[in-house]
Each structure stands twice: as structure tokens, then as C-alpha cells.
Amino acid sequence: MRTHFDWIEVTRDEAAALSTNVLSLAPDHLIARDDPACARVNTALRAAGYRVDELPFNAVPSTGGAFRCATLPLTRD
């Protein structure tokens, strides 16, 4: 169990672009938006040890969501 957290600070523009709205496939594997507004956050996630697969996903963010918001968790602890 992870007992500490590493922080990645995001700008207001990155937050507005939903750059932190990712889909977790495994503890170290994420799907994130392939968008210039998310590039710095995706790079920081990789530097923190995550495998980040970037996919184009622009239709849902225009309505206020991204990968996490467009999927429903099967289980959550």
C-alpha cells in the first residue's frame, strides 16, 4: 500500500484542459489525453514512474469530462 503521495502541480489552464482526468488501468499504467494542453502533465507522470498511453479524446472534454468521467468504475476500494 502506498503510504505517501508525490504532488504534480498544475496550472489553471492545465486544470481547465482536464489534464489530470486520466483513466487508471493498473497502479502504474494510465491513459491520458493526447493534447498539447496535457503534454507537461503527461511528461511529469512519466517522470514519476507511470506508463502513460496518450489517446485523442476531445469530444467529451468539451462537455466537461475526460477519460475518468466517461467510464464507470467496476469496483472501487
PDB file of N, CA and C in Angstrom:
ATOM      1  N   MET A   1       0.839  -1.181   0.000  1.00  0.00           N
ATOM      2  CA  MET A   1       0.000   0.000   0.000  1.00  0.00           C
ATOM      3  C   MET A   1       0.880   1.239   0.000  1.00  0.00           C
ATOM      4  N   ARG A   2       0.543   2.165  -0.856  1.00  0.00           N
ATOM      5  CA  ARG A   2       1.313   3.407  -0.948  1.00  0.00           C
ATOM      6  C   ARG A   2       1.018   4.260   0.288  1.00  0.00           C
ATOM      7  N   THR A   3       2.067   4.724   0.953  1.00  0.00           N
ATOM      8  CA  THR A   3       1.874   5.477   2.191  1.00  0.00           C
ATOM      9  C   THR A   3       2.222   6.947   2.067  1.00  0.00           C
ATOM     10  N   HIS A   4       2.703   7.358   0.916  1.00  0.00           N
ATOM     11  CA  HIS A   4       2.987   8.784   0.706  1.00  0.00           C
ATOM     12  C   HIS A   4       2.527   9.175  -0.692  1.00  0.00           C
ATOM     13  N   PHE A   5       2.444  10.454  -0.917  1.00  0.00           N
ATOM     14  CA  PHE A   5       1.984  10.949  -2.200  1.00  0.00           C
ATOM     15  C   PHE A   5       2.998  11.931  -2.756  1.00  0.00           C
ATOM     16  N   ASP A   6       3.211  11.857  -4.060  1.00  0.00           N
ATOM     17  CA  ASP A   6       4.024  12.834  -4.768  1.00  0.00           C
ATOM     18  C   ASP A   6       3.057  13.773  -5.475  1.00  0.00           C
ATOM     19  N   TRP A   7       3.318  15.050  -5.408  1.00  0.00           N
ATOM     20  CA  TRP A   7       2.429  16.044  -5.993  1.00  0.00           C
ATOM     21  C   TRP A   7       2.972  16.534  -7.324  1.00  0.00           C
ATOM     22  N   ILE A   8       2.092  16.697  -8.280  1.00  0.00           N
ATOM     23  CA  ILE A   8       2.410  17.337  -9.544  1.00  0.00           C
ATOM     24  C   ILE A   8       1.523  18.580  -9.595  1.00  0.00           C
ATOM     25  N   GLU A   9       2.145  19.732  -9.494  1.00  0.00           N
ATOM     26  CA  GLU A   9       1.367  20.968  -9.541  1.00  0.00           C
ATOM     27  C   GLU A   9       0.927  21.231 -10.974  1.00  0.00           C
ATOM     28  N   VAL A  10      -0.305  21.678 -11.122  1.00  0.00           N
ATOM     29  CA  VAL A  10      -0.840  22.000 -12.442  1.00  0.00           C
ATOM     30  C   VAL A  10      -1.266  23.463 -12.461  1.00  0.00           C
ATOM     31  N   THR A  11      -1.197  24.038 -13.632  1.00  0.00           N
ATOM     32  CA  THR A  11      -1.639  25.419 -13.800  1.00  0.00           C
ATOM     33  C   THR A  11      -3.162  25.440 -13.936  1.00  0.00           C
ATOM     34  N   ARG A  12      -3.723  26.616 -13.842  1.00  0.00           N
ATOM     35  CA  ARG A  12      -5.178  26.748 -14.044  1.00  0.00           C
ATOM     36  C   ARG A  12      -5.560  26.298 -15.463  1.00  0.00           C
ATOM     37  N   ASP A  13      -4.720  26.618 -16.440  1.00  0.00           N
ATOM     38  CA  ASP A  13      -5.006  26.205 -17.815  1.00  0.00           C
ATOM     39  C   ASP A  13      -4.976  24.689 -17.957  1.00  0.00           C
ATOM     40  N   GLU A  14      -4.001  24.025 -17.308  1.00  0.00           N
ATOM     41  CA  GLU A  14      -3.935  22.561 -17.361  1.00  0.00           C
ATOM     42  C   GLU A  14      -5.135  21.938 -16.659  1.00  0.00           C
ATOM     43  N   ALA A  15      -5.557  22.537 -15.555  1.00  0.00           N
ATOM     44  CA  ALA A  15      -6.744  22.044 -14.851  1.00  0.00           C
ATOM     45  C   ALA A  15      -7.982  22.219 -15.730  1.00  0.00           C
ATOM     46  N   ALA A  16      -8.098  23.366 -16.373  1.00  0.00           N
ATOM     47  CA  ALA A  16      -9.249  23.617 -17.250  1.00  0.00           C
ATOM     48  C   ALA A  16      -9.261  22.676 -18.441  1.00  0.00           C
ATOM     49  N   ALA A  17      -8.076  22.250 -18.897  1.00  0.00           N
ATOM     50  CA  ALA A  17      -7.965  21.316 -20.018  1.00  0.00           C
ATOM     51  C   ALA A  17      -8.167  19.867 -19.571  1.00  0.00           C
ATOM     52  N   LEU A  18      -8.432  19.666 -18.273  1.00  0.00           N
ATOM     53  CA  LEU A  18      -8.645  18.331 -17.697  1.00  0.00           C
ATOM     54  C   LEU A  18      -7.427  17.432 -17.866  1.00  0.00           C
ATOM     55  N   SER A  19      -6.247  18.014 -17.749  1.00  0.00           N
ATOM     56  CA  SER A  19      -5.018  17.244 -17.954  1.00  0.00           C
ATOM     57  C   SER A  19      -4.802  16.186 -16.874  1.00  0.00           C
ATOM     58  N   THR A  20      -5.463  16.297 -15.742  1.00  0.00           N
ATOM     59  CA  THR A  20      -5.310  15.283 -14.688  1.00  0.00           C
ATOM     60  C   THR A  20      -6.447  14.278 -14.688  1.00  0.00           C
ATOM     61  N   ASN A  21      -7.369  14.405 -15.598  1.00  0.00           N
ATOM     62  CA  ASN A  21      -8.500  13.486 -15.689  1.00  0.00           C
ATOM     63  C   ASN A  21      -8.057  12.315 -16.557  1.00  0.00           C
ATOM     64  N   VAL A  22      -7.510  11.292 -15.910  1.00  0.00           N
ATOM     65  CA  VAL A  22      -6.942  10.132 -16.599  1.00  0.00           C
ATOM     66  C   VAL A  22      -7.708   8.881 -16.198  1.00  0.00           C
ATOM     67  N   LEU A  23      -7.473   7.806 -16.927  1.00  0.00           N
ATOM     68  CA  LEU A  23      -8.070   6.514 -16.615  1.00  0.00           C
ATOM     69  C   LEU A  23      -6.962   5.588 -16.139  1.00  0.00           C
ATOM     70  N   SER A  24      -7.087   5.055 -14.948  1.00  0.00           N
ATOM     71  CA  SER A  24      -6.094   4.135 -14.393  1.00  0.00           C
ATOM     72  C   SER A  24      -6.413   2.718 -14.846  1.00  0.00           C
ATOM     73  N   LEU A  25      -5.464   2.091 -15.531  1.00  0.00           N
ATOM     74  CA  LEU A  25      -5.611   0.701 -15.938  1.00  0.00           C
ATOM     75  C   LEU A  25      -4.966  -0.238 -14.936  1.00  0.00           C
ATOM     76  N   ALA A  26      -3.951   0.250 -14.259  1.00  0.00           N
ATOM     77  CA  ALA A  26      -3.214  -0.506 -13.241  1.00  0.00           C
ATOM     78  C   ALA A  26      -2.544   0.535 -12.351  1.00  0.00           C
ATOM     79  N   PRO A  27      -1.981   0.121 -11.214  1.00  0.00           N
ATOM     80  CA  PRO A  27      -1.354   1.104 -10.327  1.00  0.00           C
ATOM     81  C   PRO A  27      -0.281   1.964 -10.998  1.00  0.00           C
ATOM     82  N   ASP A  28       0.327   1.463 -12.071  1.00  0.00           N
ATOM     83  CA  ASP A  28       1.399   2.220 -12.727  1.00  0.00           C
ATOM     84  C   ASP A  28       1.124   2.479 -14.208  1.00  0.00           C
ATOM     85  N   HIS A  29      -0.127   2.323 -14.641  1.00  0.00           N
ATOM     86  CA  HIS A  29      -0.458   2.443 -16.059  1.00  0.00           C
ATOM     87  C   HIS A  29      -1.702   3.317 -16.214  1.00  0.00           C
ATOM     88  N   LEU A  30      -1.569   4.410 -16.981  1.00  0.00           N
ATOM     89  CA  LEU A  30      -2.646   5.373 -17.156  1.00  0.00           C
ATOM     90  C   LEU A  30      -2.924   5.632 -18.624  1.00  0.00           C
ATOM     91  N   ILE A  31      -4.153   6.011 -18.921  1.00  0.00           N
ATOM     92  CA  ILE A  31      -4.495   6.556 -20.227  1.00  0.00           C
ATOM     93  C   ILE A  31      -4.785   8.030 -20.008  1.00  0.00           C
ATOM     94  N   ALA A  32      -4.156   8.867 -20.822  1.00  0.00           N
ATOM     95  CA  ALA A  32      -4.313  10.313 -20.706  1.00  0.00           C
ATOM     96  C   ALA A  32      -4.598  10.896 -22.082  1.00  0.00           C
ATOM     97  N   ARG A  33      -5.081  12.127 -22.092  1.00  0.00           N
ATOM     98  CA  ARG A  33      -5.397  12.796 -23.351  1.00  0.00           C
ATOM     99  C   ARG A  33      -4.128  13.152 -24.117  1.00  0.00           C
ATOM    100  N   ASP A  34      -4.169  12.921 -25.421  1.00  0.00           N
ATOM    101  CA  ASP A  34      -3.106  13.349 -26.328  1.00  0.00           C
ATOM    102  C   ASP A  34      -3.487  14.734 -26.820  1.00  0.00           C
ATOM    103  N   ASP A  35      -3.054  15.718 -26.067  1.00  0.00           N
ATOM    104  CA  ASP A  35      -3.433  17.101 -26.348  1.00  0.00           C
ATOM    105  C   ASP A  35      -2.273  17.981 -25.897  1.00  0.00           C
ATOM    106  N   PRO A  36      -1.908  18.995 -26.662  1.00  0.00           N
ATOM    107  CA  PRO A  36      -0.801  19.872 -26.246  1.00  0.00           C
ATOM    108  C   PRO A  36      -0.994  20.472 -24.857  1.00  0.00           C
ATOM    109  N   ALA A  37      -2.238  20.713 -24.458  1.00  0.00           N
ATOM    110  CA  ALA A  37      -2.507  21.293 -23.142  1.00  0.00           C
ATOM    111  C   ALA A  37      -2.200  20.318 -22.009  1.00  0.00           C
ATOM    112  N   CYS A  38      -2.074  19.023 -22.334  1.00  0.00           N
ATOM    113  CA  CYS A  38      -1.817  17.989 -21.329  1.00  0.00           C
ATOM    114  C   CYS A  38      -0.384  17.483 -21.364  1.00  0.00           C
ATOM    115  N   ALA A  39       0.415  17.945 -22.300  1.00  0.00           N
ATOM    116  CA  ALA A  39       1.751  17.397 -22.537  1.00  0.00           C
ATOM    117  C   ALA A  39       2.657  17.481 -21.315  1.00  0.00           C
ATOM    118  N   ARG A  40       2.699  18.610 -20.634  1.00  0.00           N
ATOM    119  CA  ARG A  40       3.593  18.756 -19.486  1.00  0.00           C
ATOM    120  C   ARG A  40       3.183  17.829 -18.348  1.00  0.00           C
ATOM    121  N   VAL A  41       1.887  17.699 -18.099  1.00  0.00           N
ATOM    122  CA  VAL A  41       1.416  16.806 -17.034  1.00  0.00           C
ATOM    123  C   VAL A  41       1.724  15.354 -17.403  1.00  0.00           C
ATOM    124  N   ASN A  42       1.513  14.964 -18.647  1.00  0.00           N
ATOM    125  CA  ASN A  42       1.817  13.600 -19.069  1.00  0.00           C
ATOM    126  C   ASN A  42       3.310  13.300 -18.910  1.00  0.00           C
ATOM    127  N   THR A  43       4.150  14.264 -19.239  1.00  0.00           N
ATOM    128  CA  THR A  43       5.595  14.105 -19.066  1.00  0.00           C
ATOM    129  C   THR A  43       5.941  13.955 -17.588  1.00  0.00           C
ATOM    130  N   ALA A  44       5.311  14.749 -16.737  1.00  0.00           N
ATOM    131  CA  ALA A  44       5.560  14.664 -15.291  1.00  0.00           C
ATOM    132  C   ALA A  44       5.096  13.321 -14.729  1.00  0.00           C
ATOM    133  N   LEU A  45       3.983  12.807 -15.228  1.00  0.00           N
ATOM    134  CA  LEU A  45       3.516  11.488 -14.793  1.00  0.00           C
ATOM    135  C   LEU A  45       4.514  10.409 -15.181  1.00  0.00           C
ATOM    136  N   ARG A  46       5.047  10.494 -16.391  1.00  0.00           N
ATOM    137  CA  ARG A  46       6.073   9.521 -16.816  1.00  0.00           C
ATOM    138  C   ARG A  46       7.315   9.625 -15.933  1.00  0.00           C
ATOM    139  N   ALA A  47       7.729  10.845 -15.627  1.00  0.00           N
ATOM    140  CA  ALA A  47       8.904  11.040 -14.766  1.00  0.00           C
ATOM    141  C   ALA A  47       8.665  10.489 -13.365  1.00  0.00           C
ATOM    142  N   ALA A  48       7.403  10.435 -12.945  1.00  0.00           N
ATOM    143  CA  ALA A  48       7.057   9.884 -11.633  1.00  0.00           C
ATOM    144  C   ALA A  48       6.945   8.364 -11.664  1.00  0.00           C
ATOM    145  N   GLY A  49       7.166   7.757 -12.844  1.00  0.00           N
ATOM    146  CA  GLY A  49       7.200   6.306 -12.935  1.00  0.00           C
ATOM    147  C   GLY A  49       5.968   5.647 -13.523  1.00  0.00           C
ATOM    148  N   TYR A  50       5.044   6.437 -14.034  1.00  0.00           N
ATOM    149  CA  TYR A  50       3.842   5.865 -14.631  1.00  0.00           C
ATOM    150  C   TYR A  50       4.047   5.603 -16.113  1.00  0.00           C
ATOM    151  N   ARG A  51       3.438   4.539 -16.599  1.00  0.00           N
ATOM    152  CA  ARG A  51       3.339   4.308 -18.043  1.00  0.00           C
ATOM    153  C   ARG A  51       2.101   5.086 -18.482  1.00  0.00           C
ATOM    154  N   VAL A  52       2.269   6.012 -19.411  1.00  0.00           N
ATOM    155  CA  VAL A  52       1.175   6.868 -19.858  1.00  0.00           C
ATOM    156  C   VAL A  52       0.953   6.638 -21.347  1.00  0.00           C
ATOM    157  N   ASP A  53      -0.196   6.093 -21.683  1.00  0.00           N
ATOM    158  CA  ASP A  53      -0.595   5.956 -23.083  1.00  0.00           C
ATOM    159  C   ASP A  53      -1.495   7.139 -23.404  1.00  0.00           C
ATOM    160  N   GLU A  54      -1.134   7.885 -24.430  1.00  0.00           N
ATOM    161  CA  GLU A  54      -1.907   9.063 -24.812  1.00  0.00           C
ATOM    162  C   GLU A  54      -2.823   8.722 -25.984  1.00  0.00           C
ATOM    163  N   LEU A  55      -4.076   9.114 -25.845  1.00  0.00           N
ATOM    164  CA  LEU A  55      -5.061   8.898 -26.895  1.00  0.00           C
ATOM    165  C   LEU A  55      -5.814  10.195 -27.161  1.00  0.00           C
ATOM    166  N   PRO A  56      -6.182  10.442 -28.431  1.00  0.00           N
ATOM    167  CA  PRO A  56      -7.003  11.621 -28.709  1.00  0.00           C
ATOM    168  C   PRO A  56      -8.377  11.428 -28.070  1.00  0.00           C
ATOM    169  N   PHE A  57      -8.854  12.444 -27.399  1.00  0.00           N
ATOM    170  CA  PHE A  57     -10.141  12.337 -26.698  1.00  0.00           C
ATOM    171  C   PHE A  57     -10.656  13.751 -26.486  1.00  0.00           C
ATOM    172  N   ASN A  58     -11.230  14.328 -27.522  1.00  0.00           N
ATOM    173  CA  ASN A  58     -11.614  15.731 -27.450  1.00  0.00           C
ATOM    174  C   ASN A  58     -13.115  15.983 -27.390  1.00  0.00           C
ATOM    175  N   ALA A  59     -13.942  15.024 -27.765  1.00  0.00           N
ATOM    176  CA  ALA A  59     -15.387  15.282 -27.791  1.00  0.00           C
ATOM    177  C   ALA A  59     -15.956  15.431 -26.385  1.00  0.00           C
ATOM    178  N   VAL A  60     -15.648  14.511 -25.488  1.00  0.00           N
ATOM    179  CA  VAL A  60     -16.215  14.578 -24.137  1.00  0.00           C
ATOM    180  C   VAL A  60     -15.668  15.757 -23.344  1.00  0.00           C
ATOM    181  N   PRO A  61     -14.363  16.091 -23.413  1.00  0.00           N
ATOM    182  CA  PRO A  61     -13.896  17.252 -22.646  1.00  0.00           C
ATOM    183  C   PRO A  61     -14.650  18.540 -22.955  1.00  0.00           C
ATOM    184  N   SER A  62     -15.194  18.673 -24.137  1.00  0.00           N
ATOM    185  CA  SER A  62     -15.943  19.896 -24.447  1.00  0.00           C
ATOM    186  C   SER A  62     -17.223  19.993 -23.629  1.00  0.00           C
ATOM    187  N   THR A  63     -17.673  18.862 -23.071  1.00  0.00           N
ATOM    188  CA  THR A  63     -18.866  18.881 -22.221  1.00  0.00           C
ATOM    189  C   THR A  63     -18.503  18.798 -20.743  1.00  0.00           C
ATOM    190  N   GLY A  64     -17.207  18.834 -20.440  1.00  0.00           N
ATOM    191  CA  GLY A  64     -16.788  18.887 -19.047  1.00  0.00           C
ATOM    192  C   GLY A  64     -16.276  17.593 -18.465  1.00  0.00           C
ATOM    193  N   GLY A  65     -15.782  16.666 -19.271  1.00  0.00           N
ATOM    194  CA  GLY A  65     -15.241  15.419 -18.745  1.00  0.00           C
ATOM    195  C   GLY A  65     -14.176  14.859 -19.655  1.00  0.00           C
ATOM    196  N   ALA A  66     -13.466  13.857 -19.161  1.00  0.00           N
ATOM    197  CA  ALA A  66     -12.456  13.174 -19.971  1.00  0.00           C
ATOM    198  C   ALA A  66     -12.534  11.684 -19.649  1.00  0.00           C
ATOM    199  N   PHE A  67     -11.407  10.967 -19.723  1.00  0.00           N
ATOM    200  CA  PHE A  67     -11.434   9.515 -19.589  1.00  0.00           C
ATOM    201  C   PHE A  67     -12.105   9.035 -18.308  1.00  0.00           C
ATOM    202  N   ARG A  68     -11.726   9.604 -17.182  1.00  0.00           N
ATOM    203  CA  ARG A  68     -12.297   9.155 -15.911  1.00  0.00           C
ATOM    204  C   ARG A  68     -13.798   9.399 -15.878  1.00  0.00           C
ATOM    205  N   CYS A  69     -14.235  10.524 -16.390  1.00  0.00           N
ATOM    206  CA  CYS A  69     -15.654  10.865 -16.365  1.00  0.00           C
ATOM    207  C   CYS A  69     -16.474  10.066 -17.391  1.00  0.00           C
ATOM    208  N   ALA A  70     -15.830   9.584 -18.430  1.00  0.00           N
ATOM    209  CA  ALA A  70     -16.547   8.869 -19.485  1.00  0.00           C
ATOM    210  C   ALA A  70     -16.616   7.379 -19.234  1.00  0.00           C
ATOM    211  N   THR A  71     -16.033   6.912 -18.149  1.00  0.00           N
ATOM    212  CA  THR A  71     -16.057   5.487 -17.814  1.00  0.00           C
ATOM    213  C   THR A  71     -16.651   5.327 -16.426  1.00  0.00           C
ATOM    214  N   LEU A  72     -17.151   4.148 -16.157  1.00  0.00           N
ATOM    215  CA  LEU A  72     -17.690   3.850 -14.833  1.00  0.00           C
ATOM    216  C   LEU A  72     -16.807   2.806 -14.180  1.00  0.00           C
ATOM    217  N   PRO A  73     -16.358   3.035 -12.949  1.00  0.00           N
ATOM    218  CA  PRO A  73     -15.514   2.043 -12.279  1.00  0.00           C
ATOM    219  C   PRO A  73     -16.317   0.783 -11.996  1.00  0.00           C
ATOM    220  N   LEU A  74     -15.668  -0.366 -12.177  1.00  0.00           N
ATOM    221  CA  LEU A  74     -16.315  -1.634 -11.838  1.00  0.00           C
ATOM    222  C   LEU A  74     -16.273  -1.874 -10.336  1.00  0.00           C
ATOM    223  N   THR A  75     -15.149  -1.569  -9.739  1.00  0.00           N
ATOM    224  CA  THR A  75     -15.006  -1.680  -8.288  1.00  0.00           C
ATOM    225  C   THR A  75     -14.145  -0.508  -7.813  1.00  0.00           C
ATOM    226  N   ARG A  76     -14.344  -0.131  -6.616  1.00  0.00           N
ATOM    227  CA  ARG A  76     -13.540   0.934  -6.044  1.00  0.00           C
ATOM    228  C   ARG A  76     -13.378   0.625  -4.563  1.00  0.00           C
ATOM    229  N   ASP A  77     -12.124   0.620  -4.099  1.00  0.00           N
ATOM    230  CA  ASP A  77     -11.849   0.368  -2.682  1.00  0.00           C
ATOM    231  C   ASP A  77     -11.737   1.670  -1.927  1.00  0.00           C
TER     232      ASP A  77
END
